[in-house]
Amino acid sequence: MARPVEFVRAEVISSAMNVFWHFGYGATSINTLVKATKLKPGSLYGAFHSKRTLFLEIIDTYAGNRLAGIEAELVAAATPMSAIEALFSRLRLELIADTDGRGCLMVNTLLELGSQDDEMRQRISAHLNRIEQHLATTLQRAIDSGELHTDTSAAILSQFLMNGIWGLRVMSKKRPEPSVYDGIIHQLLLALNPARTAPDLASTPATAHTDSLHA
């Protein structure tokens, strides 16, 4: 009996995602995708129409998985600030595990295509904005509860954290020592809330079991 089409499609998306993530959009050829997905060119075009539409579906899939991971972290945490700390603990683990320096697929694509492809930039920006909004909502909860004392708006603070996350993802391509990540994340959390002692992220649990902060 043939496997369900949905399963086959998900498998193809996963295989093609790894290729694009490794080589980037421009350097990925149809021949490379054919080899990775084990589909004939006609089947690949029949299912996805073009390299571009395949990549757009991959970006949507990747972003959806990341957003689900972030939501899981935020729901599991006991308080808003512990949620932020858990997110950065997860980010730390992902950065250390990224020994190939792949970074984030969305950030990589923005750097490669953001100035050339308005549709791609707008689509990825929309995904990243949703992540930023989750951070802003969590920070606002921390402010409202008195856990976070600040005169800065939650929106600005969330932009500050996203900027730090993007910078760390780009830096991961240098493959620095884990202590470099630790120092930067420590300072990000300390700047966010100077009145709160920044946690030891090595001992802070990341509650979700997904790649939550590929953003």
N, C-alpha and C. Protein backbone atom coordinates (compact mmCIF):
# COMPACT_ATOMS: atom_id res chain seq x y z
N MET A 1 0.85 -1.20 0.00
CA MET A 1 0.00 0.00 0.00
C MET A 1 0.88 1.25 0.00
N ALA A 2 0.55 2.22 -0.84
CA ALA A 2 1.33 3.45 -0.92
C ALA A 2 1.17 4.26 0.36
N ARG A 3 2.23 4.97 0.75
CA ARG A 3 2.14 5.82 1.93
C ARG A 3 1.26 7.03 1.63
N PRO A 4 0.63 7.62 2.66
CA PRO A 4 -0.22 8.79 2.43
C PRO A 4 0.57 9.92 1.79
N VAL A 5 -0.10 10.66 0.91
CA VAL A 5 0.55 11.76 0.20
C VAL A 5 1.11 12.78 1.18
N GLU A 6 0.36 13.06 2.28
CA GLU A 6 0.80 14.05 3.25
C GLU A 6 2.15 13.65 3.86
N PHE A 7 2.31 12.38 4.12
CA PHE A 7 3.56 11.92 4.73
C PHE A 7 4.71 12.07 3.75
N VAL A 8 4.48 11.70 2.51
CA VAL A 8 5.51 11.83 1.49
C VAL A 8 5.89 13.29 1.31
N ARG A 9 4.91 14.17 1.29
CA ARG A 9 5.18 15.59 1.10
C ARG A 9 6.01 16.13 2.27
N ALA A 10 5.65 15.75 3.48
CA ALA A 10 6.39 16.20 4.64
C ALA A 10 7.83 15.71 4.59
N GLU A 11 8.02 14.51 4.11
CA GLU A 11 9.36 13.94 4.01
C GLU A 11 10.19 14.69 2.98
N VAL A 12 9.56 15.03 1.87
CA VAL A 12 10.25 15.79 0.82
C VAL A 12 10.61 17.18 1.33
N ILE A 13 9.66 17.83 2.02
CA ILE A 13 9.92 19.16 2.59
C ILE A 13 11.11 19.11 3.53
N SER A 14 11.17 18.09 4.38
CA SER A 14 12.27 17.96 5.33
C SER A 14 13.61 17.79 4.63
N SER A 15 13.64 16.93 3.62
CA SER A 15 14.89 16.69 2.89
C SER A 15 15.34 17.94 2.14
N ALA A 16 14.41 18.60 1.48
CA ALA A 16 14.74 19.81 0.73
C ALA A 16 15.15 20.94 1.66
N MET A 17 14.52 21.02 2.82
CA MET A 17 14.87 22.05 3.80
C MET A 17 16.33 21.95 4.19
N ASN A 18 16.81 20.76 4.43
CA ASN A 18 18.21 20.57 4.83
C ASN A 18 19.17 21.03 3.73
N VAL A 19 18.77 20.84 2.48
CA VAL A 19 19.61 21.27 1.36
C VAL A 19 19.67 22.80 1.30
N PHE A 20 18.50 23.44 1.33
CA PHE A 20 18.48 24.90 1.28
C PHE A 20 19.20 25.49 2.49
N TRP A 21 19.03 24.88 3.64
CA TRP A 21 19.65 25.38 4.87
C TRP A 21 21.17 25.32 4.77
N HIS A 22 21.66 24.29 4.12
CA HIS A 22 23.11 24.11 4.00
C HIS A 22 23.72 25.03 2.93
N PHE A 23 23.08 25.08 1.76
CA PHE A 23 23.67 25.80 0.62
C PHE A 23 23.14 27.21 0.44
N GLY A 24 21.96 27.51 0.98
CA GLY A 24 21.31 28.78 0.67
C GLY A 24 20.43 28.62 -0.55
N TYR A 25 19.56 29.60 -0.78
CA TYR A 25 18.61 29.48 -1.88
C TYR A 25 19.29 29.52 -3.23
N GLY A 26 20.13 30.52 -3.46
CA GLY A 26 20.73 30.71 -4.78
C GLY A 26 21.63 29.57 -5.21
N ALA A 27 22.36 28.99 -4.28
CA ALA A 27 23.32 27.94 -4.62
C ALA A 27 22.71 26.55 -4.68
N THR A 28 21.42 26.43 -4.37
CA THR A 28 20.76 25.13 -4.42
C THR A 28 20.19 24.90 -5.82
N SER A 29 20.65 23.85 -6.47
CA SER A 29 20.19 23.54 -7.82
C SER A 29 19.06 22.51 -7.78
N ILE A 30 18.32 22.45 -8.86
CA ILE A 30 17.27 21.45 -8.97
C ILE A 30 17.87 20.04 -8.90
N ASN A 31 19.03 19.86 -9.50
CA ASN A 31 19.68 18.54 -9.45
C ASN A 31 19.99 18.13 -8.02
N THR A 32 20.44 19.09 -7.21
CA THR A 32 20.72 18.79 -5.81
C THR A 32 19.44 18.42 -5.07
N LEU A 33 18.35 19.12 -5.36
CA LEU A 33 17.08 18.82 -4.73
C LEU A 33 16.56 17.45 -5.16
N VAL A 34 16.74 17.12 -6.43
CA VAL A 34 16.31 15.82 -6.94
C VAL A 34 17.04 14.70 -6.20
N LYS A 35 18.34 14.85 -6.02
CA LYS A 35 19.13 13.84 -5.31
C LYS A 35 18.70 13.72 -3.85
N ALA A 36 18.47 14.87 -3.22
CA ALA A 36 18.13 14.86 -1.79
C ALA A 36 16.74 14.29 -1.53
N THR A 37 15.79 14.61 -2.39
CA THR A 37 14.41 14.17 -2.17
C THR A 37 14.11 12.82 -2.79
N LYS A 38 15.01 12.36 -3.68
CA LYS A 38 14.82 11.10 -4.39
C LYS A 38 13.57 11.13 -5.27
N LEU A 39 13.21 12.32 -5.72
CA LEU A 39 12.11 12.49 -6.66
C LEU A 39 12.67 12.77 -8.05
N LYS A 40 11.96 12.36 -9.06
CA LYS A 40 12.34 12.72 -10.41
C LYS A 40 11.98 14.19 -10.64
N PRO A 41 12.69 14.87 -11.55
CA PRO A 41 12.40 16.29 -11.78
C PRO A 41 10.93 16.56 -12.08
N GLY A 42 10.31 15.68 -12.89
CA GLY A 42 8.90 15.88 -13.21
C GLY A 42 8.00 15.80 -12.00
N SER A 43 8.33 14.88 -11.09
CA SER A 43 7.53 14.73 -9.87
C SER A 43 7.73 15.93 -8.95
N LEU A 44 8.96 16.42 -8.90
CA LEU A 44 9.24 17.58 -8.05
C LEU A 44 8.49 18.81 -8.55
N TYR A 45 8.55 19.03 -9.86
CA TYR A 45 7.83 20.16 -10.43
C TYR A 45 6.32 19.96 -10.34
N GLY A 46 5.86 18.72 -10.49
CA GLY A 46 4.44 18.45 -10.40
C GLY A 46 3.88 18.75 -9.02
N ALA A 47 4.67 18.46 -8.00
CA ALA A 47 4.22 18.67 -6.62
C ALA A 47 4.38 20.11 -6.17
N PHE A 48 5.44 20.78 -6.61
CA PHE A 48 5.76 22.10 -6.07
C PHE A 48 5.84 23.21 -7.13
N HIS A 49 5.77 22.85 -8.40
CA HIS A 49 5.72 23.81 -9.52
C HIS A 49 7.05 24.50 -9.83
N SER A 50 7.80 24.85 -8.80
CA SER A 50 9.08 25.53 -9.04
C SER A 50 9.93 25.44 -7.78
N LYS A 51 11.20 25.74 -7.95
CA LYS A 51 12.11 25.80 -6.81
C LYS A 51 11.63 26.86 -5.82
N ARG A 52 11.14 27.97 -6.34
CA ARG A 52 10.71 29.07 -5.49
C ARG A 52 9.51 28.69 -4.62
N THR A 53 8.49 28.08 -5.23
CA THR A 53 7.31 27.72 -4.46
C THR A 53 7.62 26.62 -3.44
N LEU A 54 8.53 25.73 -3.79
CA LEU A 54 8.99 24.74 -2.82
C LEU A 54 9.64 25.44 -1.64
N PHE A 55 10.48 26.41 -1.91
CA PHE A 55 11.19 27.10 -0.84
C PHE A 55 10.22 27.90 0.03
N LEU A 56 9.24 28.53 -0.57
CA LEU A 56 8.25 29.28 0.21
C LEU A 56 7.50 28.35 1.16
N GLU A 57 7.17 27.16 0.70
CA GLU A 57 6.49 26.19 1.58
C GLU A 57 7.43 25.74 2.70
N ILE A 58 8.70 25.60 2.39
CA ILE A 58 9.69 25.23 3.40
C ILE A 58 9.80 26.32 4.47
N ILE A 59 9.84 27.58 4.04
CA ILE A 59 9.92 28.69 4.99
C ILE A 59 8.70 28.68 5.90
N ASP A 60 7.51 28.48 5.34
CA ASP A 60 6.29 28.44 6.16
C ASP A 60 6.32 27.28 7.15
N THR A 61 6.81 26.13 6.71
CA THR A 61 6.91 24.96 7.59
C THR A 61 7.90 25.21 8.70
N TYR A 62 9.05 25.70 8.34
CA TYR A 62 10.11 26.00 9.32
C TYR A 62 9.60 27.00 10.35
N ALA A 63 8.99 28.07 9.89
CA ALA A 63 8.51 29.12 10.80
C ALA A 63 7.41 28.59 11.71
N GLY A 64 6.51 27.77 11.16
CA GLY A 64 5.44 27.21 11.98
C GLY A 64 5.98 26.33 13.10
N ASN A 65 7.00 25.54 12.79
CA ASN A 65 7.61 24.69 13.81
C ASN A 65 8.27 25.52 14.90
N ARG A 66 8.94 26.59 14.50
CA ARG A 66 9.62 27.44 15.48
C ARG A 66 8.62 28.15 16.39
N LEU A 67 7.53 28.65 15.79
CA LEU A 67 6.52 29.34 16.58
C LEU A 67 5.85 28.39 17.57
N ALA A 68 5.60 27.16 17.14
CA ALA A 68 5.00 26.16 18.04
C ALA A 68 5.93 25.88 19.21
N GLY A 69 7.23 25.84 18.96
CA GLY A 69 8.19 25.61 20.02
C GLY A 69 8.21 26.75 21.03
N ILE A 70 8.14 27.97 20.54
CA ILE A 70 8.13 29.13 21.43
C ILE A 70 6.86 29.14 22.28
N GLU A 71 5.73 28.86 21.66
CA GLU A 71 4.48 28.82 22.40
C GLU A 71 4.52 27.77 23.50
N ALA A 72 5.13 26.63 23.21
CA ALA A 72 5.24 25.57 24.21
C ALA A 72 6.09 26.01 25.39
N GLU A 73 7.18 26.71 25.12
CA GLU A 73 8.04 27.20 26.20
C GLU A 73 7.27 28.19 27.08
N LEU A 74 6.54 29.11 26.46
CA LEU A 74 5.86 30.15 27.21
C LEU A 74 4.74 29.59 28.06
N VAL A 75 4.05 28.59 27.56
CA VAL A 75 2.95 27.99 28.31
C VAL A 75 3.46 27.20 29.51
N ALA A 76 4.60 26.55 29.36
CA ALA A 76 5.12 25.67 30.41
C ALA A 76 5.75 26.43 31.56
N ALA A 77 6.21 27.66 31.33
CA ALA A 77 6.94 28.40 32.35
C ALA A 77 6.01 28.89 33.46
N ALA A 78 6.56 28.99 34.67
CA ALA A 78 5.76 29.37 35.83
C ALA A 78 5.44 30.86 35.84
N THR A 79 6.37 31.70 35.37
CA THR A 79 6.18 33.14 35.36
C THR A 79 6.67 33.70 34.02
N PRO A 80 6.26 34.93 33.68
CA PRO A 80 6.69 35.51 32.40
C PRO A 80 8.21 35.60 32.26
N MET A 81 8.91 36.05 33.30
CA MET A 81 10.36 36.19 33.18
C MET A 81 11.06 34.83 33.15
N SER A 82 10.52 33.86 33.86
CA SER A 82 11.11 32.52 33.76
C SER A 82 10.88 31.96 32.37
N ALA A 83 9.80 32.37 31.70
CA ALA A 83 9.56 31.96 30.31
C ALA A 83 10.63 32.53 29.40
N ILE A 84 10.94 33.81 29.57
CA ILE A 84 12.00 34.45 28.77
C ILE A 84 13.33 33.75 29.01
N GLU A 85 13.63 33.47 30.27
CA GLU A 85 14.89 32.80 30.60
C GLU A 85 14.94 31.39 30.01
N ALA A 86 13.81 30.69 30.04
CA ALA A 86 13.78 29.34 29.45
C ALA A 86 13.98 29.39 27.94
N LEU A 87 13.42 30.41 27.29
CA LEU A 87 13.63 30.57 25.86
C LEU A 87 15.11 30.77 25.54
N PHE A 88 15.77 31.59 26.33
CA PHE A 88 17.18 31.83 26.07
C PHE A 88 18.06 30.65 26.48
N SER A 89 17.59 29.88 27.44
CA SER A 89 18.30 28.65 27.76
C SER A 89 18.23 27.68 26.59
N ARG A 90 17.05 27.59 25.97
CA ARG A 90 16.89 26.75 24.79
C ARG A 90 17.75 27.27 23.64
N LEU A 91 17.75 28.59 23.45
CA LEU A 91 18.58 29.19 22.40
C LEU A 91 20.05 28.83 22.62
N ARG A 92 20.51 28.94 23.86
CA ARG A 92 21.90 28.61 24.18
C ARG A 92 22.22 27.17 23.76
N LEU A 93 21.34 26.25 24.09
CA LEU A 93 21.58 24.84 23.74
C LEU A 93 21.63 24.65 22.23
N GLU A 94 20.74 25.34 21.51
CA GLU A 94 20.71 25.22 20.06
C GLU A 94 21.96 25.81 19.42
N LEU A 95 22.42 26.93 19.95
CA LEU A 95 23.64 27.55 19.42
C LEU A 95 24.84 26.64 19.62
N ILE A 96 24.95 26.05 20.80
CA ILE A 96 26.07 25.16 21.09
C ILE A 96 26.00 23.92 20.21
N ALA A 97 24.77 23.43 19.96
CA ALA A 97 24.60 22.22 19.15
C ALA A 97 24.83 22.48 17.66
N ASP A 98 24.79 23.75 17.25
CA ASP A 98 24.93 24.10 15.84
C ASP A 98 26.41 24.10 15.45
N THR A 99 27.01 22.94 15.47
CA THR A 99 28.45 22.84 15.19
C THR A 99 28.78 23.07 13.72
N ASP A 100 27.78 23.00 12.84
CA ASP A 100 28.00 23.26 11.43
C ASP A 100 27.85 24.74 11.08
N GLY A 101 27.39 25.54 12.04
CA GLY A 101 27.21 26.97 11.79
C GLY A 101 26.10 27.26 10.80
N ARG A 102 25.01 26.49 10.87
CA ARG A 102 23.91 26.70 9.91
C ARG A 102 23.11 27.95 10.23
N GLY A 103 23.04 28.33 11.49
CA GLY A 103 22.26 29.50 11.85
C GLY A 103 20.77 29.24 11.72
N CYS A 104 20.02 30.29 11.47
CA CYS A 104 18.57 30.23 11.32
C CYS A 104 18.22 30.36 9.85
N LEU A 105 17.37 29.48 9.35
CA LEU A 105 17.01 29.50 7.94
C LEU A 105 16.34 30.82 7.55
N MET A 106 15.49 31.35 8.42
CA MET A 106 14.81 32.61 8.09
C MET A 106 15.80 33.78 8.06
N VAL A 107 16.64 33.87 9.07
CA VAL A 107 17.63 34.96 9.10
C VAL A 107 18.60 34.83 7.93
N ASN A 108 19.05 33.60 7.66
CA ASN A 108 19.95 33.37 6.52
C ASN A 108 19.32 33.87 5.22
N THR A 109 18.03 33.56 5.05
CA THR A 109 17.35 33.92 3.80
C THR A 109 17.16 35.43 3.70
N LEU A 110 16.85 36.08 4.81
CA LEU A 110 16.74 37.53 4.79
C LEU A 110 18.06 38.17 4.38
N LEU A 111 19.15 37.66 4.91
CA LEU A 111 20.46 38.20 4.56
C LEU A 111 20.79 37.97 3.09
N GLU A 112 20.36 36.82 2.56
CA GLU A 112 20.66 36.49 1.17
C GLU A 112 19.74 37.20 0.19
N LEU A 113 18.44 37.24 0.49
CA LEU A 113 17.46 37.68 -0.50
C LEU A 113 16.66 38.92 -0.11
N GLY A 114 16.83 39.39 1.12
CA GLY A 114 15.98 40.47 1.61
C GLY A 114 16.00 41.73 0.78
N SER A 115 17.14 42.04 0.17
CA SER A 115 17.23 43.27 -0.64
C SER A 115 16.84 43.03 -2.09
N GLN A 116 16.58 41.78 -2.46
CA GLN A 116 16.29 41.45 -3.86
C GLN A 116 14.86 40.98 -4.10
N ASP A 117 14.25 40.41 -3.07
CA ASP A 117 12.97 39.72 -3.24
C ASP A 117 11.98 40.23 -2.20
N ASP A 118 11.10 41.15 -2.61
CA ASP A 118 10.17 41.76 -1.67
C ASP A 118 9.21 40.74 -1.07
N GLU A 119 8.71 39.81 -1.88
CA GLU A 119 7.76 38.83 -1.37
C GLU A 119 8.40 37.95 -0.29
N MET A 120 9.63 37.52 -0.56
CA MET A 120 10.33 36.67 0.41
C MET A 120 10.58 37.45 1.69
N ARG A 121 11.02 38.70 1.55
CA ARG A 121 11.29 39.53 2.73
C ARG A 121 10.02 39.73 3.55
N GLN A 122 8.91 40.03 2.88
CA GLN A 122 7.66 40.28 3.58
C GLN A 122 7.14 39.02 4.28
N ARG A 123 7.28 37.87 3.63
CA ARG A 123 6.79 36.63 4.22
C ARG A 123 7.60 36.28 5.47
N ILE A 124 8.92 36.35 5.36
CA ILE A 124 9.76 36.02 6.52
C ILE A 124 9.57 37.05 7.62
N SER A 125 9.45 38.32 7.25
CA SER A 125 9.23 39.37 8.25
C SER A 125 7.94 39.12 9.02
N ALA A 126 6.90 38.65 8.33
CA ALA A 126 5.64 38.36 9.00
C ALA A 126 5.81 37.24 10.03
N HIS A 127 6.57 36.21 9.67
CA HIS A 127 6.83 35.12 10.62
C HIS A 127 7.62 35.63 11.82
N LEU A 128 8.66 36.40 11.57
CA LEU A 128 9.49 36.92 12.65
C LEU A 128 8.70 37.89 13.53
N ASN A 129 7.79 38.65 12.93
CA ASN A 129 6.96 39.57 13.69
C ASN A 129 6.05 38.82 14.66
N ARG A 130 5.59 37.64 14.26
CA ARG A 130 4.75 36.86 15.17
C ARG A 130 5.55 36.39 16.39
N ILE A 131 6.79 36.00 16.16
CA ILE A 131 7.65 35.62 17.28
C ILE A 131 7.88 36.83 18.19
N GLU A 132 8.16 37.96 17.57
CA GLU A 132 8.39 39.19 18.34
C GLU A 132 7.16 39.55 19.17
N GLN A 133 5.97 39.34 18.61
CA GLN A 133 4.75 39.66 19.33
C GLN A 133 4.56 38.76 20.54
N HIS A 134 4.94 37.49 20.41
CA HIS A 134 4.88 36.58 21.56
C HIS A 134 5.80 37.07 22.68
N LEU A 135 6.99 37.52 22.30
CA LEU A 135 7.91 38.05 23.30
C LEU A 135 7.32 39.31 23.96
N ALA A 136 6.74 40.18 23.14
CA ALA A 136 6.17 41.42 23.68
C ALA A 136 5.02 41.12 24.64
N THR A 137 4.18 40.16 24.29
CA THR A 137 3.06 39.80 25.15
C THR A 137 3.56 39.26 26.49
N THR A 138 4.58 38.43 26.44
CA THR A 138 5.15 37.86 27.66
C THR A 138 5.79 38.95 28.52
N LEU A 139 6.52 39.86 27.89
CA LEU A 139 7.15 40.96 28.62
C LEU A 139 6.10 41.89 29.24
N GLN A 140 5.01 42.11 28.52
CA GLN A 140 3.95 42.95 29.06
C GLN A 140 3.33 42.30 30.29
N ARG A 141 3.17 40.97 30.26
CA ARG A 141 2.67 40.25 31.43
C ARG A 141 3.62 40.42 32.61
N ALA A 142 4.92 40.38 32.32
CA ALA A 142 5.91 40.55 33.38
C ALA A 142 5.84 41.96 33.98
N ILE A 143 5.63 42.96 33.13
CA ILE A 143 5.50 44.34 33.60
C ILE A 143 4.24 44.50 34.43
N ASP A 144 3.13 43.97 33.93
CA ASP A 144 1.84 44.11 34.62
C ASP A 144 1.84 43.42 35.98
N SER A 145 2.55 42.33 36.08
CA SER A 145 2.58 41.57 37.34
C SER A 145 3.59 42.12 38.33
N GLY A 146 4.42 43.06 37.90
CA GLY A 146 5.44 43.62 38.76
C GLY A 146 6.73 42.81 38.78
N GLU A 147 6.80 41.78 37.94
CA GLU A 147 8.01 40.96 37.89
C GLU A 147 9.13 41.68 37.15
N LEU A 148 8.76 42.55 36.20
CA LEU A 148 9.73 43.32 35.43
C LEU A 148 9.48 44.80 35.66
N HIS A 149 10.47 45.50 36.18
CA HIS A 149 10.35 46.93 36.46
C HIS A 149 11.14 47.69 35.41
N THR A 150 10.44 48.44 34.59
CA THR A 150 11.09 49.15 33.49
C THR A 150 10.22 50.30 33.02
N ASP A 151 10.85 51.34 32.48
CA ASP A 151 10.13 52.44 31.86
C ASP A 151 10.04 52.27 30.35
N THR A 152 10.62 51.20 29.84
CA THR A 152 10.64 50.91 28.40
C THR A 152 9.44 50.04 28.05
N SER A 153 8.84 50.28 26.89
CA SER A 153 7.67 49.51 26.49
C SER A 153 8.04 48.07 26.18
N ALA A 154 7.06 47.19 26.33
CA ALA A 154 7.27 45.78 26.01
C ALA A 154 7.62 45.60 24.54
N ALA A 155 7.06 46.45 23.68
CA ALA A 155 7.34 46.36 22.24
C ALA A 155 8.82 46.63 21.96
N ILE A 156 9.36 47.67 22.58
CA ILE A 156 10.78 47.99 22.37
C ILE A 156 11.67 46.90 22.96
N LEU A 157 11.31 46.40 24.12
CA LEU A 157 12.11 45.34 24.75
C LEU A 157 12.11 44.07 23.90
N SER A 158 10.97 43.76 23.29
CA SER A 158 10.91 42.56 22.44
C SER A 158 11.78 42.74 21.20
N GLN A 159 11.80 43.97 20.65
CA GLN A 159 12.67 44.25 19.51
C GLN A 159 14.14 44.11 19.91
N PHE A 160 14.47 44.55 21.11
CA PHE A 160 15.83 44.44 21.64
C PHE A 160 16.24 42.96 21.73
N LEU A 161 15.35 42.13 22.26
CA LEU A 161 15.66 40.71 22.38
C LEU A 161 15.78 40.04 21.01
N MET A 162 14.88 40.39 20.09
CA MET A 162 14.96 39.80 18.75
C MET A 162 16.26 40.19 18.06
N ASN A 163 16.68 41.43 18.25
CA ASN A 163 17.95 41.86 17.67
C ASN A 163 19.10 41.03 18.22
N GLY A 164 19.04 40.74 19.52
CA GLY A 164 20.07 39.90 20.13
C GLY A 164 20.04 38.49 19.59
N ILE A 165 18.86 37.94 19.40
CA ILE A 165 18.72 36.58 18.87
C ILE A 165 19.28 36.50 17.46
N TRP A 166 18.91 37.47 16.61
CA TRP A 166 19.42 37.47 15.23
C TRP A 166 20.94 37.56 15.21
N GLY A 167 21.47 38.45 16.06
CA GLY A 167 22.92 38.60 16.11
C GLY A 167 23.62 37.32 16.53
N LEU A 168 23.06 36.63 17.50
CA LEU A 168 23.64 35.36 17.94
C LEU A 168 23.57 34.32 16.84
N ARG A 169 22.48 34.30 16.09
CA ARG A 169 22.36 33.33 15.00
C ARG A 169 23.40 33.59 13.90
N VAL A 170 23.62 34.85 13.60
CA VAL A 170 24.64 35.17 12.61
C VAL A 170 26.03 34.84 13.16
N MET A 171 26.27 35.17 14.42
CA MET A 171 27.55 34.88 15.05
C MET A 171 27.84 33.37 15.05
N SER A 172 26.80 32.54 15.13
CA SER A 172 27.01 31.10 15.20
C SER A 172 27.76 30.57 13.99
N LYS A 173 27.75 31.31 12.89
CA LYS A 173 28.48 30.88 11.70
C LYS A 173 30.00 30.92 11.93
N LYS A 174 30.43 31.69 12.93
CA LYS A 174 31.85 31.70 13.31
C LYS A 174 32.20 30.50 14.18
N ARG A 175 31.15 29.83 14.72
CA ARG A 175 31.32 28.68 15.62
C ARG A 175 32.18 29.02 16.83
N PRO A 176 31.78 30.04 17.59
CA PRO A 176 32.57 30.42 18.76
C PRO A 176 32.43 29.40 19.90
N GLU A 177 33.23 29.58 20.92
CA GLU A 177 33.14 28.74 22.10
C GLU A 177 31.82 29.03 22.84
N PRO A 178 31.27 28.04 23.54
CA PRO A 178 30.01 28.26 24.28
C PRO A 178 30.08 29.44 25.24
N SER A 179 31.25 29.70 25.80
CA SER A 179 31.37 30.81 26.76
C SER A 179 31.04 32.15 26.11
N VAL A 180 31.24 32.27 24.81
CA VAL A 180 30.90 33.51 24.10
C VAL A 180 29.39 33.72 24.11
N TYR A 181 28.65 32.66 23.81
CA TYR A 181 27.19 32.74 23.86
C TYR A 181 26.73 33.07 25.28
N ASP A 182 27.33 32.40 26.26
CA ASP A 182 26.93 32.61 27.64
C ASP A 182 27.07 34.06 28.05
N GLY A 183 28.19 34.67 27.69
CA GLY A 183 28.44 36.05 28.06
C GLY A 183 27.45 37.02 27.42
N ILE A 184 27.16 36.80 26.14
CA ILE A 184 26.25 37.71 25.43
C ILE A 184 24.83 37.56 25.95
N ILE A 185 24.37 36.33 26.13
CA ILE A 185 23.00 36.11 26.62
C ILE A 185 22.86 36.64 28.05
N HIS A 186 23.88 36.45 28.85
CA HIS A 186 23.86 37.00 30.21
C HIS A 186 23.65 38.51 30.18
N GLN A 187 24.37 39.19 29.31
CA GLN A 187 24.25 40.65 29.22
C GLN A 187 22.90 41.07 28.66
N LEU A 188 22.36 40.31 27.72
CA LEU A 188 21.03 40.63 27.19
C LEU A 188 19.98 40.58 28.29
N LEU A 189 20.02 39.53 29.09
CA LEU A 189 19.03 39.38 30.16
C LEU A 189 19.26 40.40 31.27
N LEU A 190 20.52 40.73 31.53
CA LEU A 190 20.83 41.72 32.54
C LEU A 190 20.36 43.11 32.10
N ALA A 191 20.55 43.43 30.83
CA ALA A 191 20.10 44.72 30.30
C ALA A 191 18.58 44.81 30.30
N LEU A 192 17.93 43.67 30.08
CA LEU A 192 16.47 43.64 30.06
C LEU A 192 15.92 44.00 31.44
N ASN A 193 16.54 43.49 32.46
CA ASN A 193 16.03 43.71 33.81
C ASN A 193 17.19 43.81 34.80
N PRO A 194 17.81 44.98 34.92
CA PRO A 194 18.98 45.13 35.78
C PRO A 194 18.71 44.80 37.25
N ALA A 195 17.43 44.95 37.67
CA ALA A 195 17.09 44.69 39.07
C ALA A 195 17.04 43.21 39.39
N ARG A 196 17.05 42.38 38.38
CA ARG A 196 16.96 40.93 38.56
C ARG A 196 18.31 40.31 38.24
N THR A 197 18.79 39.45 39.06
CA THR A 197 20.05 38.78 38.81
C THR A 197 19.90 37.85 37.60
N ALA A 198 20.72 38.06 36.58
CA ALA A 198 20.64 37.21 35.39
C ALA A 198 20.96 35.78 35.77
N PRO A 199 20.16 34.81 35.29
CA PRO A 199 20.32 33.43 35.71
C PRO A 199 21.54 32.76 35.09
N ASP A 200 21.95 31.66 35.69
CA ASP A 200 22.95 30.79 35.10
C ASP A 200 22.23 29.91 34.09
N LEU A 201 22.37 30.23 32.81
CA LEU A 201 21.59 29.53 31.80
C LEU A 201 21.95 28.06 31.69
N ALA A 202 23.16 27.71 32.09
CA ALA A 202 23.55 26.31 32.02
C ALA A 202 22.71 25.46 32.96
N SER A 203 22.13 26.11 33.99
CA SER A 203 21.30 25.36 34.94
C SER A 203 19.83 25.71 34.83
N THR A 204 19.48 26.59 33.88
CA THR A 204 18.09 26.97 33.68
C THR A 204 17.44 26.00 32.72
N PRO A 205 16.35 25.32 33.13
CA PRO A 205 15.75 24.33 32.24
C PRO A 205 15.04 24.96 31.06
N ALA A 206 15.21 24.37 29.89
CA ALA A 206 14.42 24.73 28.71
C ALA A 206 13.27 23.75 28.68
N THR A 207 12.06 24.25 28.75
CA THR A 207 10.93 23.36 29.03
C THR A 207 10.42 22.61 27.83
N ALA A 208 10.55 23.18 26.64
CA ALA A 208 10.01 22.52 25.46
C ALA A 208 11.08 21.65 24.82
N HIS A 209 10.64 20.65 24.07
CA HIS A 209 11.58 19.73 23.43
C HIS A 209 11.58 19.92 21.93
N THR A 210 11.55 21.19 21.50
CA THR A 210 11.59 21.52 20.08
C THR A 210 12.62 22.59 19.86
N ASP A 211 12.95 22.81 18.60
CA ASP A 211 13.89 23.88 18.26
C ASP A 211 13.14 25.19 18.32
N SER A 212 13.03 25.75 19.51
CA SER A 212 12.07 26.82 19.73
C SER A 212 12.52 28.19 19.26
N LEU A 213 13.81 28.45 19.18
CA LEU A 213 14.23 29.81 18.92
C LEU A 213 15.05 29.95 17.66
N HIS A 214 14.72 29.22 16.65
CA HIS A 214 15.37 29.43 15.35
C HIS A 214 14.72 30.65 14.72
N ALA A 215 15.09 31.79 15.27
CA ALA A 215 14.48 33.03 14.83
C ALA A 215 15.52 34.12 14.76
